Amino acid sequence: INVAIDGPAGAGKSTVARLVARKLSYIYVDT
């Protein structure tokens, strides 16, 4: 599936999204 994580600056999105992708063996895209 595709997972979309939105939110304001400094919410920790990039760190969390990267770890979620690693846990699921998915590709992480840091927009």
Full PDB file with SEQRES, HELIX, SHEET, SSBOND, CRYST1, ORIGX, SCALE, CONECT and MASTER records, all heavy atoms in Angstrom:
SEQRES   1 A   31  ILE ASN VAL ALA ILE ASP GLY PRO ALA GLY ALA GLY LYS          
SEQRES   2 A   31  SER THR VAL ALA ARG LEU VAL ALA ARG LYS LEU SER TYR          
SEQRES   3 A   31  ILE TYR VAL ASP THR                                          
HELIX    1 AA1 LYS A   13  LEU A   24  1                                  12    
CRYST1    1.000    1.000    1.000  90.00  90.00  90.00 P 1           1          
ORIGX1      1.000000  0.000000  0.000000        0.00000                         
ORIGX2      0.000000  1.000000  0.000000        0.00000                         
ORIGX3      0.000000  0.000000  1.000000        0.00000                         
SCALE1      1.000000  0.000000  0.000000        0.00000                         
SCALE2      0.000000  1.000000  0.000000        0.00000                         
SCALE3      0.000000  0.000000  1.000000        0.00000                         
ATOM      1  N   ILE A   1       0.854  -1.186   0.000  1.00  0.00           N  
ATOM      2  CA  ILE A   1       0.000   0.000   0.000  1.00  0.00           C  
ATOM      3  C   ILE A   1       0.890   1.236   0.000  1.00  0.00           C  
ATOM      4  O   ILE A   1       2.109   1.151   0.188  1.00  0.00           O  
ATOM      5  CB  ILE A   1      -0.926   0.026   1.239  1.00  0.00           C  
ATOM      6  CG1 ILE A   1      -0.088   0.069   2.521  1.00  0.00           C  
ATOM      7  CG2 ILE A   1      -1.858  -1.182   1.230  1.00  0.00           C  
ATOM      8  CD1 ILE A   1      -0.912   0.233   3.795  1.00  0.00           C  
ATOM      9  N   ASN A   2       0.275   2.385  -0.211  1.00  0.00           N  
ATOM     10  CA  ASN A   2       0.984   3.650  -0.073  1.00  0.00           C  
ATOM     11  C   ASN A   2       0.555   4.331   1.225  1.00  0.00           C  
ATOM     12  O   ASN A   2      -0.625   4.329   1.571  1.00  0.00           O  
ATOM     13  CB  ASN A   2       0.718   4.569  -1.268  1.00  0.00           C  
ATOM     14  CG  ASN A   2       1.461   4.121  -2.508  1.00  0.00           C  
ATOM     15  OD1 ASN A   2       2.505   3.481  -2.424  1.00  0.00           O  
ATOM     16  ND2 ASN A   2       0.928   4.450  -3.675  1.00  0.00           N  
ATOM     17  N   VAL A   3       1.526   4.901   1.925  1.00  0.00           N  
ATOM     18  CA  VAL A   3       1.282   5.543   3.209  1.00  0.00           C  
ATOM     19  C   VAL A   3       1.659   7.023   3.094  1.00  0.00           C  
ATOM     20  O   VAL A   3       2.796   7.350   2.752  1.00  0.00           O  
ATOM     21  CB  VAL A   3       2.105   4.882   4.328  1.00  0.00           C  
ATOM     22  CG1 VAL A   3       1.773   5.506   5.679  1.00  0.00           C  
ATOM     23  CG2 VAL A   3       1.873   3.371   4.346  1.00  0.00           C  
ATOM     24  N   ALA A   4       0.694   7.904   3.352  1.00  0.00           N  
ATOM     25  CA  ALA A   4       0.918   9.356   3.284  1.00  0.00           C  
ATOM     26  C   ALA A   4       0.964   9.920   4.705  1.00  0.00           C  
ATOM     27  O   ALA A   4       0.028   9.739   5.477  1.00  0.00           O  
ATOM     28  CB  ALA A   4      -0.201  10.027   2.493  1.00  0.00           C  
ATOM     29  N   ILE A   5       2.077  10.588   5.031  1.00  0.00           N  
ATOM     30  CA  ILE A   5       2.219  11.190   6.356  1.00  0.00           C  
ATOM     31  C   ILE A   5       2.403  12.694   6.185  1.00  0.00           C  
ATOM     32  O   ILE A   5       3.409  13.148   5.651  1.00  0.00           O  
ATOM     33  CB  ILE A   5       3.416  10.593   7.118  1.00  0.00           C  
ATOM     34  CG1 ILE A   5       3.260   9.066   7.254  1.00  0.00           C  
ATOM     35  CG2 ILE A   5       3.558  11.246   8.497  1.00  0.00           C  
ATOM     36  CD1 ILE A   5       4.436   8.378   7.926  1.00  0.00           C  
ATOM     37  N   ASP A   6       1.404  13.449   6.623  1.00  0.00           N  
ATOM     38  CA  ASP A   6       1.461  14.901   6.531  1.00  0.00           C  
ATOM     39  C   ASP A   6       1.563  15.507   7.925  1.00  0.00           C  
ATOM     40  O   ASP A   6       1.317  14.852   8.936  1.00  0.00           O  
ATOM     41  CB  ASP A   6       0.205  15.439   5.835  1.00  0.00           C  
ATOM     42  CG  ASP A   6       0.191  15.130   4.355  1.00  0.00           C  
ATOM     43  OD1 ASP A   6       1.207  15.399   3.693  1.00  0.00           O  
ATOM     44  OD2 ASP A   6      -0.824  14.610   3.857  1.00  0.00           O  
ATOM     45  N   GLY A   7       1.900  16.792   7.951  1.00  0.00           N  
ATOM     46  CA  GLY A   7       1.961  17.488   9.230  1.00  0.00           C  
ATOM     47  C   GLY A   7       2.841  18.716   9.149  1.00  0.00           C  
ATOM     48  O   GLY A   7       3.549  18.925   8.158  1.00  0.00           O  
ATOM     49  N   PRO A   8       2.813  19.547  10.173  1.00  0.00           N  
ATOM     50  CA  PRO A   8       3.568  20.796  10.172  1.00  0.00           C  
ATOM     51  C   PRO A   8       5.064  20.592  10.389  1.00  0.00           C  
ATOM     52  O   PRO A   8       5.518  19.489  10.691  1.00  0.00           O  
ATOM     53  CB  PRO A   8       2.938  21.565  11.343  1.00  0.00           C  
ATOM     54  CG  PRO A   8       2.485  20.487  12.277  1.00  0.00           C  
ATOM     55  CD  PRO A   8       2.015  19.365  11.396  1.00  0.00           C  
ATOM     56  N   ALA A   9       5.816  21.665  10.246  1.00  0.00           N  
ATOM     57  CA  ALA A   9       7.269  21.631  10.403  1.00  0.00           C  
ATOM     58  C   ALA A   9       7.654  21.176  11.804  1.00  0.00           C  
ATOM     59  O   ALA A   9       7.046  21.581  12.788  1.00  0.00           O  
ATOM     60  CB  ALA A   9       7.847  23.021  10.131  1.00  0.00           C  
ATOM     61  N   GLY A  10       8.671  20.315  11.882  1.00  0.00           N  
ATOM     62  CA  GLY A  10       9.204  19.910  13.168  1.00  0.00           C  
ATOM     63  C   GLY A  10       8.419  18.831  13.881  1.00  0.00           C  
ATOM     64  O   GLY A  10       8.695  18.523  15.043  1.00  0.00           O  
ATOM     65  N   ALA A  11       7.446  18.220  13.214  1.00  0.00           N  
ATOM     66  CA  ALA A  11       6.627  17.194  13.867  1.00  0.00           C  
ATOM     67  C   ALA A  11       7.347  15.853  13.950  1.00  0.00           C  
ATOM     68  O   ALA A  11       6.870  14.930  14.599  1.00  0.00           O  
ATOM     69  CB  ALA A  11       5.300  17.031  13.135  1.00  0.00           C  
ATOM     70  N   GLY A  12       8.488  15.733  13.280  1.00  0.00           N  
ATOM     71  CA  GLY A  12       9.231  14.476  13.282  1.00  0.00           C  
ATOM     72  C   GLY A  12       8.826  13.525  12.182  1.00  0.00           C  
ATOM     73  O   GLY A  12       9.124  12.332  12.228  1.00  0.00           O  
ATOM     74  N   LYS A  13       8.146  14.053  11.163  1.00  0.00           N  
ATOM     75  CA  LYS A  13       7.613  13.214  10.084  1.00  0.00           C  
ATOM     76  C   LYS A  13       8.704  12.410   9.382  1.00  0.00           C  
ATOM     77  O   LYS A  13       8.536  11.220   9.144  1.00  0.00           O  
ATOM     78  CB  LYS A  13       6.889  14.084   9.041  1.00  0.00           C  
ATOM     79  CG  LYS A  13       5.726  14.883   9.564  1.00  0.00           C  
ATOM     80  CD  LYS A  13       5.019  15.622   8.450  1.00  0.00           C  
ATOM     81  CE  LYS A  13       5.920  16.579   7.684  1.00  0.00           C  
ATOM     82  NZ  LYS A  13       6.404  17.702   8.520  1.00  0.00           N  
ATOM     83  N   SER A  14       9.796  13.057   9.044  1.00  0.00           N  
ATOM     84  CA  SER A  14      10.834  12.388   8.253  1.00  0.00           C  
ATOM     85  C   SER A  14      11.446  11.213   9.010  1.00  0.00           C  
ATOM     86  O   SER A  14      11.607  10.124   8.453  1.00  0.00           O  
ATOM     87  CB  SER A  14      11.927  13.388   7.870  1.00  0.00           C  
ATOM     88  OG  SER A  14      11.403  14.404   7.039  1.00  0.00           O  
ATOM     89  N   THR A  15      11.794  11.438  10.262  1.00  0.00           N  
ATOM     90  CA  THR A  15      12.392  10.368  11.066  1.00  0.00           C  
ATOM     91  C   THR A  15      11.430   9.194  11.206  1.00  0.00           C  
ATOM     92  O   THR A  15      11.799   8.029  10.994  1.00  0.00           O  
ATOM     93  CB  THR A  15      12.763  10.892  12.464  1.00  0.00           C  
ATOM     94  OG1 THR A  15      13.692  11.973  12.322  1.00  0.00           O  
ATOM     95  CG2 THR A  15      13.395   9.799  13.306  1.00  0.00           C  
ATOM     96  N   VAL A  16      10.196   9.489  11.555  1.00  0.00           N  
ATOM     97  CA  VAL A  16       9.194   8.442  11.752  1.00  0.00           C  
ATOM     98  C   VAL A  16       8.879   7.733  10.433  1.00  0.00           C  
ATOM     99  O   VAL A  16       8.813   6.499  10.378  1.00  0.00           O  
ATOM    100  CB  VAL A  16       7.916   9.029  12.376  1.00  0.00           C  
ATOM    101  CG1 VAL A  16       6.773   8.022  12.333  1.00  0.00           C  
ATOM    102  CG2 VAL A  16       8.183   9.465  13.815  1.00  0.00           C  
ATOM    103  N   ALA A  17       8.694   8.505   9.359  1.00  0.00           N  
ATOM    104  CA  ALA A  17       8.370   7.907   8.059  1.00  0.00           C  
ATOM    105  C   ALA A  17       9.483   6.974   7.587  1.00  0.00           C  
ATOM    106  O   ALA A  17       9.215   5.897   7.045  1.00  0.00           O  
ATOM    107  CB  ALA A  17       8.121   9.000   7.024  1.00  0.00           C  
ATOM    108  N   ARG A  18      10.720   7.372   7.803  1.00  0.00           N  
ATOM    109  CA  ARG A  18      11.856   6.534   7.389  1.00  0.00           C  
ATOM    110  C   ARG A  18      11.835   5.196   8.140  1.00  0.00           C  
ATOM    111  O   ARG A  18      12.063   4.133   7.554  1.00  0.00           O  
ATOM    112  CB  ARG A  18      13.169   7.268   7.667  1.00  0.00           C  
ATOM    113  CG  ARG A  18      14.417   6.528   7.167  1.00  0.00           C  
ATOM    114  CD  ARG A  18      15.697   7.256   7.514  1.00  0.00           C  
ATOM    115  NE  ARG A  18      15.725   8.588   6.947  1.00  0.00           N  
ATOM    116  CZ  ARG A  18      15.667   9.717   7.663  1.00  0.00           C  
ATOM    117  NH1 ARG A  18      15.567   9.664   8.975  1.00  0.00           N  
ATOM    118  NH2 ARG A  18      15.717  10.888   7.071  1.00  0.00           N  
ATOM    119  N   LEU A  19      11.539   5.251   9.441  1.00  0.00           N  
ATOM    120  CA  LEU A  19      11.519   4.033  10.247  1.00  0.00           C  
ATOM    121  C   LEU A  19      10.313   3.153   9.921  1.00  0.00           C  
ATOM    122  O   LEU A  19      10.412   1.924   9.935  1.00  0.00           O  
ATOM    123  CB  LEU A  19      11.528   4.397  11.732  1.00  0.00           C  
ATOM    124  CG  LEU A  19      12.825   5.053  12.222  1.00  0.00           C  
ATOM    125  CD1 LEU A  19      12.677   5.542  13.658  1.00  0.00           C  
ATOM    126  CD2 LEU A  19      14.004   4.092  12.104  1.00  0.00           C  
ATOM    127  N   VAL A  20       9.177   3.782   9.615  1.00  0.00           N  
ATOM    128  CA  VAL A  20       8.002   3.021   9.193  1.00  0.00           C  
ATOM    129  C   VAL A  20       8.315   2.272   7.894  1.00  0.00           C  
ATOM    130  O   VAL A  20       8.007   1.086   7.749  1.00  0.00           O  
ATOM    131  CB  VAL A  20       6.778   3.950   8.996  1.00  0.00           C  
ATOM    132  CG1 VAL A  20       5.643   3.212   8.278  1.00  0.00           C  
ATOM    133  CG2 VAL A  20       6.286   4.476  10.347  1.00  0.00           C  
ATOM    134  N   ALA A  21       8.936   2.976   6.952  1.00  0.00           N  
ATOM    135  CA  ALA A  21       9.281   2.357   5.671  1.00  0.00           C  
ATOM    136  C   ALA A  21      10.242   1.184   5.884  1.00  0.00           C  
ATOM    137  O   ALA A  21      10.097   0.123   5.258  1.00  0.00           O  
ATOM    138  CB  ALA A  21       9.910   3.391   4.744  1.00  0.00           C  
ATOM    139  N   ARG A  22      11.197   1.364   6.776  1.00  0.00           N  
ATOM    140  CA  ARG A  22      12.156   0.287   7.042  1.00  0.00           C  
ATOM    141  C   ARG A  22      11.449  -0.925   7.645  1.00  0.00           C  
ATOM    142  O   ARG A  22      11.733  -2.073   7.286  1.00  0.00           O  
ATOM    143  CB  ARG A  22      13.242   0.792   7.996  1.00  0.00           C  
ATOM    144  CG  ARG A  22      14.358  -0.209   8.259  1.00  0.00           C  
ATOM    145  CD  ARG A  22      15.377   0.354   9.218  1.00  0.00           C  
ATOM    146  NE  ARG A  22      15.993   1.570   8.684  1.00  0.00           N  
ATOM    147  CZ  ARG A  22      16.814   2.347   9.396  1.00  0.00           C  
ATOM    148  NH1 ARG A  22      17.082   2.048  10.647  1.00  0.00           N  
ATOM    149  NH2 ARG A  22      17.329   3.431   8.863  1.00  0.00           N  
ATOM    150  N   LYS A  23      10.516  -0.676   8.559  1.00  0.00           N  
ATOM    151  CA  LYS A  23       9.803  -1.764   9.227  1.00  0.00           C  
ATOM    152  C   LYS A  23       8.924  -2.549   8.250  1.00  0.00           C  
ATOM    153  O   LYS A  23       8.736  -3.751   8.404  1.00  0.00           O  
ATOM    154  CB  LYS A  23       8.953  -1.188  10.354  1.00  0.00           C  
ATOM    155  CG  LYS A  23       8.631  -2.171  11.463  1.00  0.00           C  
ATOM    156  CD  LYS A  23       8.074  -1.457  12.663  1.00  0.00           C  
ATOM    157  CE  LYS A  23       7.819  -2.420  13.822  1.00  0.00           C  
ATOM    158  NZ  LYS A  23       9.049  -2.910  14.465  1.00  0.00           N  
ATOM    159  N   LEU A  24       8.403  -1.855   7.257  1.00  0.00           N  
ATOM    160  CA  LEU A  24       7.534  -2.495   6.269  1.00  0.00           C  
ATOM    161  C   LEU A  24       8.282  -2.954   5.015  1.00  0.00           C  
ATOM    162  O   LEU A  24       7.674  -3.517   4.114  1.00  0.00           O  
ATOM    163  CB  LEU A  24       6.414  -1.528   5.850  1.00  0.00           C  
ATOM    164  CG  LEU A  24       5.521  -0.957   6.951  1.00  0.00           C  
ATOM    165  CD1 LEU A  24       4.458  -0.062   6.346  1.00  0.00           C  
ATOM    166  CD2 LEU A  24       4.890  -2.073   7.765  1.00  0.00           C  
ATOM    167  N   SER A  25       9.590  -2.679   4.965  1.00  0.00           N  
ATOM    168  CA  SER A  25      10.386  -2.933   3.752  1.00  0.00           C  
ATOM    169  C   SER A  25       9.809  -2.171   2.561  1.00  0.00           C  
ATOM    170  O   SER A  25       9.708  -2.696   1.443  1.00  0.00           O  
ATOM    171  CB  SER A  25      10.461  -4.432   3.443  1.00  0.00           C  
ATOM    172  OG  SER A  25      11.245  -5.085   4.397  1.00  0.00           O  
ATOM    173  N   TYR A  26       9.426  -0.936   2.816  1.00  0.00           N  
ATOM    174  CA  TYR A  26       8.892  -0.058   1.781  1.00  0.00           C  
ATOM    175  C   TYR A  26       9.954   0.965   1.358  1.00  0.00           C  
ATOM    176  O   TYR A  26      11.025   1.052   1.971  1.00  0.00           O  
ATOM    177  CB  TYR A  26       7.657   0.692   2.304  1.00  0.00           C  
ATOM    178  CG  TYR A  26       6.364  -0.092   2.265  1.00  0.00           C  
ATOM    179  CD1 TYR A  26       6.333  -1.472   2.076  1.00  0.00           C  
ATOM    180  CD2 TYR A  26       5.143   0.559   2.433  1.00  0.00           C  
ATOM    181  CE1 TYR A  26       5.139  -2.171   2.047  1.00  0.00           C  
ATOM    182  CE2 TYR A  26       3.941  -0.131   2.414  1.00  0.00           C  
ATOM    183  CZ  TYR A  26       3.947  -1.498   2.222  1.00  0.00           C  
ATOM    184  OH  TYR A  26       2.770  -2.183   2.197  1.00  0.00           O  
ATOM    185  N   ILE A  27       9.624   1.739   0.352  1.00  0.00           N  
ATOM    186  CA  ILE A  27      10.504   2.825  -0.096  1.00  0.00           C  
ATOM    187  C   ILE A  27      10.081   4.110   0.605  1.00  0.00           C  
ATOM    188  O   ILE A  27       8.890   4.440   0.657  1.00  0.00           O  
ATOM    189  CB  ILE A  27      10.411   3.000  -1.627  1.00  0.00           C  
ATOM    190  CG1 ILE A  27      10.960   1.753  -2.328  1.00  0.00           C  
ATOM    191  CG2 ILE A  27      11.177   4.244  -2.081  1.00  0.00           C  
ATOM    192  CD1 ILE A  27      10.664   1.726  -3.817  1.00  0.00           C  
ATOM    193  N   TYR A  28      11.037   4.839   1.143  1.00  0.00           N  
ATOM    194  CA  TYR A  28      10.749   6.105   1.811  1.00  0.00           C  
ATOM    195  C   TYR A  28      11.030   7.268   0.864  1.00  0.00           C  
ATOM    196  O   TYR A  28      12.081   7.318   0.223  1.00  0.00           O  
ATOM    197  CB  TYR A  28      11.600   6.243   3.074  1.00  0.00           C  
ATOM    198  CG  TYR A  28      11.599   7.634   3.659  1.00  0.00           C  
ATOM    199  CD1 TYR A  28      10.402   8.260   4.006  1.00  0.00           C  
ATOM    200  CD2 TYR A  28      12.787   8.334   3.841  1.00  0.00           C  
ATOM    201  CE1 TYR A  28      10.392   9.542   4.522  1.00  0.00           C  
ATOM    202  CE2 TYR A  28      12.792   9.612   4.364  1.00  0.00           C  
ATOM    203  CZ  TYR A  28      11.595  10.210   4.702  1.00  0.00           C  
ATOM    204  OH  TYR A  28      11.581  11.480   5.208  1.00  0.00           O  
ATOM    205  N   VAL A  29      10.079   8.205   0.784  1.00  0.00           N  
ATOM    206  CA  VAL A  29      10.249   9.397  -0.052  1.00  0.00           C  
ATOM    207  C   VAL A  29      10.100  10.638   0.826  1.00  0.00           C  
ATOM    208  O   VAL A  29       9.017  10.928   1.337  1.00  0.00           O  
ATOM    209  CB  VAL A  29       9.221   9.442  -1.204  1.00  0.00           C  
ATOM    210  CG1 VAL A  29       9.403  10.717  -2.022  1.00  0.00           C  
ATOM    211  CG2 VAL A  29       9.369   8.215  -2.096  1.00  0.00           C  
ATOM    212  N   ASP A  30      11.198  11.351   1.019  1.00  0.00           N  
ATOM    213  CA  ASP A  30      11.225  12.568   1.834  1.00  0.00           C  
ATOM    214  C   ASP A  30      10.950  13.769   0.927  1.00  0.00           C  
ATOM    215  O   ASP A  30      11.865  14.346   0.353  1.00  0.00           O  
ATOM    216  CB  ASP A  30      12.596  12.688   2.508  1.00  0.00           C  
ATOM    217  CG  ASP A  30      12.703  13.893   3.441  1.00  0.00           C  
ATOM    218  OD1 ASP A  30      11.771  14.730   3.455  1.00  0.00           O  
ATOM    219  OD2 ASP A  30      13.721  14.010   4.144  1.00  0.00           O  
ATOM    220  N   THR A  31       9.676  14.150   0.803  1.00  0.00           N  
ATOM    221  CA  THR A  31       9.335  15.251  -0.112  1.00  0.00           C  
ATOM    222  C   THR A  31       9.850  16.588   0.407  1.00  0.00           C  
ATOM    223  O   THR A  31      10.186  17.471  -0.373  1.00  0.00           O  
ATOM    224  CB  THR A  31       7.816  15.339  -0.328  1.00  0.00           C  
ATOM    225  OG1 THR A  31       7.170  15.715   0.893  1.00  0.00           O  
ATOM    226  CG2 THR A  31       7.253  14.006  -0.803  1.00  0.00           C  
TER     227      THR A  31                                                      
MASTER        0    0    0    1    0    0    0    6  226    1    0    3          
END                                                                             
